[in-house]
Structure formats: C-alpha cells, structure tokens
mmCIF file of all heavy atoms, coordinates in Angstrom:
data_MODEL
# 
_entry.id   MODEL 
# 
loop_
_atom_site.group_PDB 
_atom_site.id 
_atom_site.type_symbol 
_atom_site.label_atom_id 
_atom_site.label_alt_id 
_atom_site.label_comp_id 
_atom_site.label_asym_id 
_atom_site.label_entity_id 
_atom_site.label_seq_id 
_atom_site.pdbx_PDB_ins_code 
_atom_site.Cartn_x 
_atom_site.Cartn_y 
_atom_site.Cartn_z 
_atom_site.occupancy 
_atom_site.B_iso_or_equiv 
_atom_site.pdbx_formal_charge 
_atom_site.auth_seq_id 
_atom_site.auth_comp_id 
_atom_site.auth_asym_id 
_atom_site.auth_atom_id 
_atom_site.pdbx_PDB_model_num 
ATOM 1   N N   . ILE A 1 1  ? 0.818  -1.222  0.000   1.00 0.00 ? 1  ILE A N   1 
ATOM 2   C CA  . ILE A 1 1  ? 0.000  0.000   0.000   1.00 0.00 ? 1  ILE A CA  1 
ATOM 3   C C   . ILE A 1 1  ? 0.849  1.267   0.000   1.00 0.00 ? 1  ILE A C   1 
ATOM 4   O O   . ILE A 1 1  ? 0.548  2.227   -0.700  1.00 0.00 ? 1  ILE A O   1 
ATOM 5   C CB  . ILE A 1 1  ? -1.019 -0.004  1.163   1.00 0.00 ? 1  ILE A CB  1 
ATOM 6   C CG1 . ILE A 1 1  ? -2.013 1.143   1.032   1.00 0.00 ? 1  ILE A CG1 1 
ATOM 7   C CG2 . ILE A 1 1  ? -0.321 0.073   2.504   1.00 0.00 ? 1  ILE A CG2 1 
ATOM 8   C CD1 . ILE A 1 1  ? -3.147 0.880   0.128   1.00 0.00 ? 1  ILE A CD1 1 
ATOM 9   N N   . GLY A 1 2  ? 1.947  1.266   0.749   1.00 0.00 ? 2  GLY A N   1 
ATOM 10  C CA  . GLY A 1 2  ? 2.831  2.431   0.762   1.00 0.00 ? 2  GLY A CA  1 
ATOM 11  C C   . GLY A 1 2  ? 3.484  2.653   -0.588  1.00 0.00 ? 2  GLY A C   1 
ATOM 12  O O   . GLY A 1 2  ? 3.547  3.775   -1.099  1.00 0.00 ? 2  GLY A O   1 
ATOM 13  N N   . ARG A 1 3  ? 3.952  1.572   -1.179  1.00 0.00 ? 3  ARG A N   1 
ATOM 14  C CA  . ARG A 1 3  ? 4.554  1.660   -2.511  1.00 0.00 ? 3  ARG A CA  1 
ATOM 15  C C   . ARG A 1 3  ? 3.501  2.082   -3.533  1.00 0.00 ? 3  ARG A C   1 
ATOM 16  O O   . ARG A 1 3  ? 3.799  2.782   -4.483  1.00 0.00 ? 3  ARG A O   1 
ATOM 17  C CB  . ARG A 1 3  ? 5.138  0.313   -2.928  1.00 0.00 ? 3  ARG A CB  1 
ATOM 18  C CG  . ARG A 1 3  ? 6.373  -0.096  -2.190  1.00 0.00 ? 3  ARG A CG  1 
ATOM 19  C CD  . ARG A 1 3  ? 6.837  -1.437  -2.715  1.00 0.00 ? 3  ARG A CD  1 
ATOM 20  N NE  . ARG A 1 3  ? 8.008  -1.914  -2.008  1.00 0.00 ? 3  ARG A NE  1 
ATOM 21  C CZ  . ARG A 1 3  ? 8.536  -3.113  -2.180  1.00 0.00 ? 3  ARG A CZ  1 
ATOM 22  N NH1 . ARG A 1 3  ? 8.001  -3.951  -3.025  1.00 0.00 ? 3  ARG A NH1 1 
ATOM 23  N NH2 . ARG A 1 3  ? 9.598  -3.477  -1.517  1.00 0.00 ? 3  ARG A NH2 1 
ATOM 24  N N   . ASP A 1 4  ? 2.276  1.590   -3.348  1.00 0.00 ? 4  ASP A N   1 
ATOM 25  C CA  . ASP A 1 4  ? 1.198  1.876   -4.299  1.00 0.00 ? 4  ASP A CA  1 
ATOM 26  C C   . ASP A 1 4  ? 0.890  3.370   -4.355  1.00 0.00 ? 4  ASP A C   1 
ATOM 27  O O   . ASP A 1 4  ? 0.687  3.930   -5.429  1.00 0.00 ? 4  ASP A O   1 
ATOM 28  C CB  . ASP A 1 4  ? -0.051 1.086   -3.914  1.00 0.00 ? 4  ASP A CB  1 
ATOM 29  C CG  . ASP A 1 4  ? -1.038 0.979   -5.050  1.00 0.00 ? 4  ASP A CG  1 
ATOM 30  O OD1 . ASP A 1 4  ? -0.604 0.966   -6.214  1.00 0.00 ? 4  ASP A OD1 1 
ATOM 31  O OD2 . ASP A 1 4  ? -2.240 0.904   -4.768  1.00 0.00 ? 4  ASP A OD2 1 
ATOM 32  N N   . ILE A 1 5  ? 0.853  4.028   -3.221  1.00 0.00 ? 5  ILE A N   1 
ATOM 33  C CA  . ILE A 1 5  ? 0.573  5.468   -3.178  1.00 0.00 ? 5  ILE A CA  1 
ATOM 34  C C   . ILE A 1 5  ? 1.675  6.236   -3.905  1.00 0.00 ? 5  ILE A C   1 
ATOM 35  O O   . ILE A 1 5  ? 1.399  7.087   -4.754  1.00 0.00 ? 5  ILE A O   1 
ATOM 36  C CB  . ILE A 1 5  ? 0.421  5.951   -1.718  1.00 0.00 ? 5  ILE A CB  1 
ATOM 37  C CG1 . ILE A 1 5  ? -0.861 5.349   -1.103  1.00 0.00 ? 5  ILE A CG1 1 
ATOM 38  C CG2 . ILE A 1 5  ? 0.410  7.470   -1.638  1.00 0.00 ? 5  ILE A CG2 1 
ATOM 39  C CD1 . ILE A 1 5  ? -0.973 5.515   0.391   1.00 0.00 ? 5  ILE A CD1 1 
ATOM 40  N N   . LEU A 1 6  ? 2.926  5.915   -3.598  1.00 0.00 ? 6  LEU A N   1 
ATOM 41  C CA  . LEU A 1 6  ? 4.048  6.590   -4.256  1.00 0.00 ? 6  LEU A CA  1 
ATOM 42  C C   . LEU A 1 6  ? 4.077  6.289   -5.752  1.00 0.00 ? 6  LEU A C   1 
ATOM 43  O O   . LEU A 1 6  ? 4.368  7.162   -6.558  1.00 0.00 ? 6  LEU A O   1 
ATOM 44  C CB  . LEU A 1 6  ? 5.371  6.187   -3.603  1.00 0.00 ? 6  LEU A CB  1 
ATOM 45  C CG  . LEU A 1 6  ? 5.561  6.646   -2.153  1.00 0.00 ? 6  LEU A CG  1 
ATOM 46  C CD1 . LEU A 1 6  ? 6.839  6.054   -1.571  1.00 0.00 ? 6  LEU A CD1 1 
ATOM 47  C CD2 . LEU A 1 6  ? 5.576  8.159   -2.061  1.00 0.00 ? 6  LEU A CD2 1 
ATOM 48  N N   . SER A 1 7  ? 3.759  5.060   -6.114  1.00 0.00 ? 7  SER A N   1 
ATOM 49  C CA  . SER A 1 7  ? 3.748  4.682   -7.528  1.00 0.00 ? 7  SER A CA  1 
ATOM 50  C C   . SER A 1 7  ? 2.624  5.384   -8.276  1.00 0.00 ? 7  SER A C   1 
ATOM 51  O O   . SER A 1 7  ? 2.767  5.729   -9.446  1.00 0.00 ? 7  SER A O   1 
ATOM 52  C CB  . SER A 1 7  ? 3.614  3.169   -7.664  1.00 0.00 ? 7  SER A CB  1 
ATOM 53  O OG  . SER A 1 7  ? 4.741  2.547   -7.090  1.00 0.00 ? 7  SER A OG  1 
ATOM 54  N N   . GLY A 1 8  ? 1.508  5.600   -7.594  1.00 0.00 ? 8  GLY A N   1 
ATOM 55  C CA  . GLY A 1 8  ? 0.403  6.339   -8.197  1.00 0.00 ? 8  GLY A CA  1 
ATOM 56  C C   . GLY A 1 8  ? 0.826  7.748   -8.555  1.00 0.00 ? 8  GLY A C   1 
ATOM 57  O O   . GLY A 1 8  ? 0.448  8.273   -9.604  1.00 0.00 ? 8  GLY A O   1 
ATOM 58  N N   . LEU A 1 9  ? 1.616  8.352   -7.695  1.00 0.00 ? 9  LEU A N   1 
ATOM 59  C CA  . LEU A 1 9  ? 2.131  9.692   -7.987  1.00 0.00 ? 9  LEU A CA  1 
ATOM 60  C C   . LEU A 1 9  ? 3.077  9.650   -9.185  1.00 0.00 ? 9  LEU A C   1 
ATOM 61  O O   . LEU A 1 9  ? 3.104  10.569  -9.997  1.00 0.00 ? 9  LEU A O   1 
ATOM 62  C CB  . LEU A 1 9  ? 2.852  10.265  -6.760  1.00 0.00 ? 9  LEU A CB  1 
ATOM 63  C CG  . LEU A 1 9  ? 1.976  10.511  -5.528  1.00 0.00 ? 9  LEU A CG  1 
ATOM 64  C CD1 . LEU A 1 9  ? 2.847  10.909  -4.340  1.00 0.00 ? 9  LEU A CD1 1 
ATOM 65  C CD2 . LEU A 1 9  ? 0.931  11.576  -5.818  1.00 0.00 ? 9  LEU A CD2 1 
ATOM 66  N N   . LYS A 1 10 ? 3.833  8.565   -9.321  1.00 0.00 ? 10 LYS A N   1 
ATOM 67  C CA  . LYS A 1 10 ? 4.782  8.427   -10.428 1.00 0.00 ? 10 LYS A CA  1 
ATOM 68  C C   . LYS A 1 10 ? 4.050  8.374   -11.769 1.00 0.00 ? 10 LYS A C   1 
ATOM 69  O O   . LYS A 1 10 ? 4.564  8.837   -12.780 1.00 0.00 ? 10 LYS A O   1 
ATOM 70  C CB  . LYS A 1 10 ? 5.627  7.168   -10.220 1.00 0.00 ? 10 LYS A CB  1 
ATOM 71  C CG  . LYS A 1 10 ? 6.699  6.964   -11.245 1.00 0.00 ? 10 LYS A CG  1 
ATOM 72  C CD  . LYS A 1 10 ? 7.808  7.984   -11.107 1.00 0.00 ? 10 LYS A CD  1 
ATOM 73  C CE  . LYS A 1 10 ? 8.987  7.591   -11.967 1.00 0.00 ? 10 LYS A CE  1 
ATOM 74  N NZ  . LYS A 1 10 ? 10.105 8.476   -11.818 1.00 0.00 ? 10 LYS A NZ  1 
ATOM 75  N N   . THR A 1 11 ? 2.834  7.825   -11.780 1.00 0.00 ? 11 THR A N   1 
ATOM 76  C CA  . THR A 1 11 ? 2.089  7.738   -13.038 1.00 0.00 ? 11 THR A CA  1 
ATOM 77  C C   . THR A 1 11 ? 1.697  9.118   -13.550 1.00 0.00 ? 11 THR A C   1 
ATOM 78  O O   . THR A 1 11 ? 1.480  9.296   -14.743 1.00 0.00 ? 11 THR A O   1 
ATOM 79  C CB  . THR A 1 11 ? 0.817  6.866   -12.902 1.00 0.00 ? 11 THR A CB  1 
ATOM 80  O OG1 . THR A 1 11 ? -0.064 7.460   -11.955 1.00 0.00 ? 11 THR A OG1 1 
ATOM 81  C CG2 . THR A 1 11 ? 1.170  5.441   -12.507 1.00 0.00 ? 11 THR A CG2 1 
ATOM 82  N N   . ILE A 1 12 ? 1.640  10.082  -12.679 1.00 0.00 ? 12 ILE A N   1 
ATOM 83  C CA  . ILE A 1 12 ? 1.298  11.446  -13.092 1.00 0.00 ? 12 ILE A CA  1 
ATOM 84  C C   . ILE A 1 12 ? 2.447  12.078  -13.866 1.00 0.00 ? 12 ILE A C   1 
ATOM 85  O O   . ILE A 1 12 ? 2.237  12.714  -14.893 1.00 0.00 ? 12 ILE A O   1 
ATOM 86  C CB  . ILE A 1 12 ? 0.933  12.318  -11.857 1.00 0.00 ? 12 ILE A CB  1 
ATOM 87  C CG1 . ILE A 1 12 ? -0.335 11.757  -11.215 1.00 0.00 ? 12 ILE A CG1 1 
ATOM 88  C CG2 . ILE A 1 12 ? 0.767  13.777  -12.242 1.00 0.00 ? 12 ILE A CG2 1 
ATOM 89  C CD1 . ILE A 1 12 ? -0.657 12.373  -9.868  1.00 0.00 ? 12 ILE A CD1 1 
ATOM 90  N N   . VAL A 1 13 ? 3.676  11.869  -13.379 1.00 0.00 ? 13 VAL A N   1 
ATOM 91  C CA  . VAL A 1 13 ? 4.832  12.503  -14.017 1.00 0.00 ? 13 VAL A CA  1 
ATOM 92  C C   . VAL A 1 13 ? 5.507  11.601  -15.047 1.00 0.00 ? 13 VAL A C   1 
ATOM 93  O O   . VAL A 1 13 ? 6.319  12.059  -15.835 1.00 0.00 ? 13 VAL A O   1 
ATOM 94  C CB  . VAL A 1 13 ? 5.874  12.965  -12.966 1.00 0.00 ? 13 VAL A CB  1 
ATOM 95  C CG1 . VAL A 1 13 ? 5.291  14.024  -12.070 1.00 0.00 ? 13 VAL A CG1 1 
ATOM 96  C CG2 . VAL A 1 13 ? 6.393  11.797  -12.150 1.00 0.00 ? 13 VAL A CG2 1 
ATOM 97  N N   . GLY A 1 14 ? 5.187  10.307  -15.034 1.00 0.00 ? 14 GLY A N   1 
ATOM 98  C CA  . GLY A 1 14 ? 5.757  9.375   -16.000 1.00 0.00 ? 14 GLY A CA  1 
ATOM 99  C C   . GLY A 1 14 ? 7.065  8.782   -15.537 1.00 0.00 ? 14 GLY A C   1 
ATOM 100 O O   . GLY A 1 14 ? 7.653  9.208   -14.549 1.00 0.00 ? 14 GLY A O   1 
ATOM 101 N N   . GLY A 1 15 ? 7.535  7.777   -16.257 1.00 0.00 ? 15 GLY A N   1 
ATOM 102 C CA  . GLY A 1 15 ? 8.794  7.123   -15.946 1.00 0.00 ? 15 GLY A CA  1 
ATOM 103 C C   . GLY A 1 15 ? 8.592  5.732   -15.374 1.00 0.00 ? 15 GLY A C   1 
ATOM 104 O O   . GLY A 1 15 ? 7.473  5.278   -15.176 1.00 0.00 ? 15 GLY A O   1 
ATOM 105 N N   . GLU A 1 16 ? 9.699  5.071   -15.148 1.00 0.00 ? 16 GLU A N   1 
ATOM 106 C CA  . GLU A 1 16 ? 9.666  3.705   -14.616 1.00 0.00 ? 16 GLU A CA  1 
ATOM 107 C C   . GLU A 1 16 ? 9.173  3.696   -13.185 1.00 0.00 ? 16 GLU A C   1 
ATOM 108 O O   . GLU A 1 16 ? 9.564  4.534   -12.366 1.00 0.00 ? 16 GLU A O   1 
ATOM 109 C CB  . GLU A 1 16 ? 11.062 3.081   -14.674 1.00 0.00 ? 16 GLU A CB  1 
ATOM 110 C CG  . GLU A 1 16 ? 11.093 1.666   -14.124 1.00 0.00 ? 16 GLU A CG  1 
ATOM 111 C CD  . GLU A 1 16 ? 12.485 1.060   -14.092 1.00 0.00 ? 16 GLU A CD  1 
ATOM 112 O OE1 . GLU A 1 16 ? 13.465 1.773   -14.395 1.00 0.00 ? 16 GLU A OE1 1 
ATOM 113 O OE2 . GLU A 1 16 ? 12.585 -0.124  -13.753 1.00 0.00 ? 16 GLU A OE2 1 
ATOM 114 N N   . ILE A 1 17 ? 8.342  2.731   -12.867 1.00 0.00 ? 17 ILE A N   1 
ATOM 115 C CA  . ILE A 1 17 ? 7.878  2.544   -11.490 1.00 0.00 ? 17 ILE A CA  1 
ATOM 116 C C   . ILE A 1 17 ? 8.763  1.449   -10.895 1.00 0.00 ? 17 ILE A C   1 
ATOM 117 O O   . ILE A 1 17 ? 8.484  0.261   -11.014 1.00 0.00 ? 17 ILE A O   1 
ATOM 118 C CB  . ILE A 1 17 ? 6.385  2.174   -11.447 1.00 0.00 ? 17 ILE A CB  1 
ATOM 119 C CG1 . ILE A 1 17 ? 5.573  3.262   -12.145 1.00 0.00 ? 17 ILE A CG1 1 
ATOM 120 C CG2 . ILE A 1 17 ? 5.932  1.997   -9.997  1.00 0.00 ? 17 ILE A CG2 1 
ATOM 121 C CD1 . ILE A 1 17 ? 4.110  2.938   -12.317 1.00 0.00 ? 17 ILE A CD1 1 
ATOM 122 N N   . ARG A 1 18 ? 9.859  1.869   -10.320 1.00 0.00 ? 18 ARG A N   1 
ATOM 123 C CA  . ARG A 1 18 ? 10.898 0.938   -9.877  1.00 0.00 ? 18 ARG A CA  1 
ATOM 124 C C   . ARG A 1 18 ? 10.413 -0.053  -8.828  1.00 0.00 ? 18 ARG A C   1 
ATOM 125 O O   . ARG A 1 18 ? 10.858 -1.199  -8.805  1.00 0.00 ? 18 ARG A O   1 
ATOM 126 C CB  . ARG A 1 18 ? 12.107 1.713   -9.362  1.00 0.00 ? 18 ARG A CB  1 
ATOM 127 C CG  . ARG A 1 18 ? 12.867 2.380   -10.490 1.00 0.00 ? 18 ARG A CG  1 
ATOM 128 C CD  . ARG A 1 18 ? 14.221 2.926   -10.026 1.00 0.00 ? 18 ARG A CD  1 
ATOM 129 N NE  . ARG A 1 18 ? 14.930 3.507   -11.139 1.00 0.00 ? 18 ARG A NE  1 
ATOM 130 C CZ  . ARG A 1 18 ? 15.069 4.813   -11.326 1.00 0.00 ? 18 ARG A CZ  1 
ATOM 131 N NH1 . ARG A 1 18 ? 14.577 5.663   -10.452 1.00 0.00 ? 18 ARG A NH1 1 
ATOM 132 N NH2 . ARG A 1 18 ? 15.730 5.266   -12.384 1.00 0.00 ? 18 ARG A NH2 1 
ATOM 133 N N   . ASN A 1 19 ? 9.504  0.362   -7.959  1.00 0.00 ? 19 ASN A N   1 
ATOM 134 C CA  . ASN A 1 19 ? 9.001  -0.563  -6.937  1.00 0.00 ? 19 ASN A CA  1 
ATOM 135 C C   . ASN A 1 19 ? 8.285  -1.749  -7.571  1.00 0.00 ? 19 ASN A C   1 
ATOM 136 O O   . ASN A 1 19 ? 8.406  -2.875  -7.114  1.00 0.00 ? 19 ASN A O   1 
ATOM 137 C CB  . ASN A 1 19 ? 8.064  0.153   -5.968  1.00 0.00 ? 19 ASN A CB  1 
ATOM 138 C CG  . ASN A 1 19 ? 8.807  1.087   -5.039  1.00 0.00 ? 19 ASN A CG  1 
ATOM 139 O OD1 . ASN A 1 19 ? 9.960  0.830   -4.689  1.00 0.00 ? 19 ASN A OD1 1 
ATOM 140 N ND2 . ASN A 1 19 ? 8.165  2.163   -4.642  1.00 0.00 ? 19 ASN A ND2 1 
ATOM 141 N N   . TYR A 1 20 ? 7.539  -1.514  -8.622  1.00 0.00 ? 20 TYR A N   1 
ATOM 142 C CA  . TYR A 1 20 ? 6.842  -2.601  -9.304  1.00 0.00 ? 20 TYR A CA  1 
ATOM 143 C C   . TYR A 1 20 ? 7.813  -3.453  -10.104 1.00 0.00 ? 20 TYR A C   1 
ATOM 144 O O   . TYR A 1 20 ? 7.663  -4.672  -10.180 1.00 0.00 ? 20 TYR A O   1 
ATOM 145 C CB  . TYR A 1 20 ? 5.741  -2.068  -10.211 1.00 0.00 ? 20 TYR A CB  1 
ATOM 146 C CG  . TYR A 1 20 ? 4.566  -1.491  -9.457  1.00 0.00 ? 20 TYR A CG  1 
ATOM 147 C CD1 . TYR A 1 20 ? 3.631  -0.719  -10.107 1.00 0.00 ? 20 TYR A CD1 1 
ATOM 148 C CD2 . TYR A 1 20 ? 4.392  -1.717  -8.094  1.00 0.00 ? 20 TYR A CD2 1 
ATOM 149 C CE1 . TYR A 1 20 ? 2.548  -0.175  -9.425  1.00 0.00 ? 20 TYR A CE1 1 
ATOM 150 C CE2 . TYR A 1 20 ? 3.325  -1.180  -7.414  1.00 0.00 ? 20 TYR A CE2 1 
ATOM 151 C CZ  . TYR A 1 20 ? 2.392  -0.407  -8.078  1.00 0.00 ? 20 TYR A CZ  1 
ATOM 152 O OH  . TYR A 1 20 ? 1.334  0.116   -7.411  1.00 0.00 ? 20 TYR A OH  1 
ATOM 153 N N   . THR A 1 21 ? 8.807  -2.814  -10.698 1.00 0.00 ? 21 THR A N   1 
ATOM 154 C CA  . THR A 1 21 ? 9.828  -3.563  -11.414 1.00 0.00 ? 21 THR A CA  1 
ATOM 155 C C   . THR A 1 21 ? 10.521 -4.520  -10.455 1.00 0.00 ? 21 THR A C   1 
ATOM 156 O O   . THR A 1 21 ? 10.704 -5.704  -10.753 1.00 0.00 ? 21 THR A O   1 
ATOM 157 C CB  . THR A 1 21 ? 10.859 -2.619  -12.057 1.00 0.00 ? 21 THR A CB  1 
ATOM 158 O OG1 . THR A 1 21 ? 10.182 -1.771  -12.980 1.00 0.00 ? 21 THR A OG1 1 
ATOM 159 C CG2 . THR A 1 21 ? 11.961 -3.384  -12.766 1.00 0.00 ? 21 THR A CG2 1 
ATOM 160 N N   . LYS A 1 22 ? 10.872 -4.024  -9.271  1.00 0.00 ? 22 LYS A N   1 
ATOM 161 C CA  . LYS A 1 22 ? 11.525 -4.853  -8.259  1.00 0.00 ? 22 LYS A CA  1 
ATOM 162 C C   . LYS A 1 22 ? 10.588 -5.959  -7.783  1.00 0.00 ? 22 LYS A C   1 
ATOM 163 O O   . LYS A 1 22 ? 11.005 -7.110  -7.613  1.00 0.00 ? 22 LYS A O   1 
ATOM 164 C CB  . LYS A 1 22 ? 11.979 -3.994  -7.076  1.00 0.00 ? 22 LYS A CB  1 
ATOM 165 C CG  . LYS A 1 22 ? 12.731 -4.775  -6.026  1.00 0.00 ? 22 LYS A CG  1 
ATOM 166 C CD  . LYS A 1 22 ? 13.220 -3.898  -4.904  1.00 0.00 ? 22 LYS A CD  1 
ATOM 167 C CE  . LYS A 1 22 ? 13.938 -4.759  -3.876  1.00 0.00 ? 22 LYS A CE  1 
ATOM 168 N NZ  . LYS A 1 22 ? 14.338 -4.014  -2.711  1.00 0.00 ? 22 LYS A NZ  1 
ATOM 169 N N   . MET A 1 23 ? 9.310  -5.641  -7.586  1.00 0.00 ? 23 MET A N   1 
ATOM 170 C CA  . MET A 1 23 ? 8.337  -6.635  -7.131  1.00 0.00 ? 23 MET A CA  1 
ATOM 171 C C   . MET A 1 23 ? 8.235  -7.793  -8.133  1.00 0.00 ? 23 MET A C   1 
ATOM 172 O O   . MET A 1 23 ? 8.273  -8.957  -7.757  1.00 0.00 ? 23 MET A O   1 
ATOM 173 C CB  . MET A 1 23 ? 6.959  -6.003  -6.954  1.00 0.00 ? 23 MET A CB  1 
ATOM 174 C CG  . MET A 1 23 ? 5.882  -6.979  -6.512  1.00 0.00 ? 23 MET A CG  1 
ATOM 175 S SD  . MET A 1 23 ? 4.211  -6.302  -6.575  1.00 0.00 ? 23 MET A SD  1 
ATOM 176 C CE  . MET A 1 23 ? 3.884  -6.402  -8.337  1.00 0.00 ? 23 MET A CE  1 
ATOM 177 N N   . LEU A 1 24 ? 8.153  -7.455  -9.430  1.00 0.00 ? 24 LEU A N   1 
ATOM 178 C CA  . LEU A 1 24 ? 8.040  -8.507  -10.443 1.00 0.00 ? 24 LEU A CA  1 
ATOM 179 C C   . LEU A 1 24 ? 9.336  -9.285  -10.610 1.00 0.00 ? 24 LEU A C   1 
ATOM 180 O O   . LEU A 1 24 ? 9.317  -10.486 -10.871 1.00 0.00 ? 24 LEU A O   1 
ATOM 181 C CB  . LEU A 1 24 ? 7.570  -7.912  -11.767 1.00 0.00 ? 24 LEU A CB  1 
ATOM 182 C CG  . LEU A 1 24 ? 6.104  -7.501  -11.764 1.00 0.00 ? 24 LEU A CG  1 
ATOM 183 C CD1 . LEU A 1 24 ? 5.752  -6.729  -13.029 1.00 0.00 ? 24 LEU A CD1 1 
ATOM 184 C CD2 . LEU A 1 24 ? 5.200  -8.705  -11.597 1.00 0.00 ? 24 LEU A CD2 1 
ATOM 185 N N   . GLU A 1 25 ? 10.471 -8.616  -10.431 1.00 0.00 ? 25 GLU A N   1 
ATOM 186 C CA  . GLU A 1 25 ? 11.762 -9.310  -10.488 1.00 0.00 ? 25 GLU A CA  1 
ATOM 187 C C   . GLU A 1 25 ? 11.848 -10.350 -9.370  1.00 0.00 ? 25 GLU A C   1 
ATOM 188 O O   . GLU A 1 25 ? 12.261 -11.496 -9.586  1.00 0.00 ? 25 GLU A O   1 
ATOM 189 C CB  . GLU A 1 25 ? 12.898 -8.300  -10.368 1.00 0.00 ? 25 GLU A CB  1 
ATOM 190 C CG  . GLU A 1 25 ? 14.275 -8.906  -10.480 1.00 0.00 ? 25 GLU A CG  1 
ATOM 191 C CD  . GLU A 1 25 ? 15.359 -7.840  -10.411 1.00 0.00 ? 25 GLU A CD  1 
ATOM 192 O OE1 . GLU A 1 25 ? 15.337 -6.927  -11.249 1.00 0.00 ? 25 GLU A OE1 1 
ATOM 193 O OE2 . GLU A 1 25 ? 16.218 -7.939  -9.515  1.00 0.00 ? 25 GLU A OE2 1 
ATOM 194 N N   . GLU A 1 26 ? 11.430 -9.954  -8.163  1.00 0.00 ? 26 GLU A N   1 
ATOM 195 C CA  . GLU A 1 26 ? 11.424 -10.885 -7.035  1.00 0.00 ? 26 GLU A CA  1 
ATOM 196 C C   . GLU A 1 26 ? 10.453 -12.033 -7.294  1.00 0.00 ? 26 GLU A C   1 
ATOM 197 O O   . GLU A 1 26 ? 10.758 -13.191 -6.987  1.00 0.00 ? 26 GLU A O   1 
ATOM 198 C CB  . GLU A 1 26 ? 11.031 -10.149 -5.752  1.00 0.00 ? 26 GLU A CB  1 
ATOM 199 C CG  . GLU A 1 26 ? 12.084 -9.197  -5.251  1.00 0.00 ? 26 GLU A CG  1 
ATOM 200 C CD  . GLU A 1 26 ? 11.588 -8.289  -4.127  1.00 0.00 ? 26 GLU A CD  1 
ATOM 201 O OE1 . GLU A 1 26 ? 10.391 -8.379  -3.741  1.00 0.00 ? 26 GLU A OE1 1 
ATOM 202 O OE2 . GLU A 1 26 ? 12.396 -7.488  -3.623  1.00 0.00 ? 26 GLU A OE2 1 
ATOM 203 N N   . ALA A 1 27 ? 9.301  -11.735 -7.876  1.00 0.00 ? 27 ALA A N   1 
ATOM 204 C CA  . ALA A 1 27 ? 8.308  -12.766 -8.183  1.00 0.00 ? 27 ALA A CA  1 
ATOM 205 C C   . ALA A 1 27 ? 8.869  -13.768 -9.194  1.00 0.00 ? 27 ALA A C   1 
ATOM 206 O O   . ALA A 1 27 ? 8.671  -14.978 -9.056  1.00 0.00 ? 27 ALA A O   1 
ATOM 207 C CB  . ALA A 1 27 ? 7.025  -12.132 -8.708  1.00 0.00 ? 27 ALA A CB  1 
# 
C-alpha cells in the first residue's frame, strides 16, 4: 500500500515505477 501510493504519484509525471519492477523481479 505504501509503494502503491508513491507509484500512483509516479504515473502522473511518467517514468519507470521501480518498486513494481523490483516486485516482479522478485516474483
């Protein structure tokens, strides 16, 4: 949830969402 809020802000300005990239890499 904490990462989700910050990532939501990232979608406004654009660019890689590193937290999700890391999450999928771990998965």
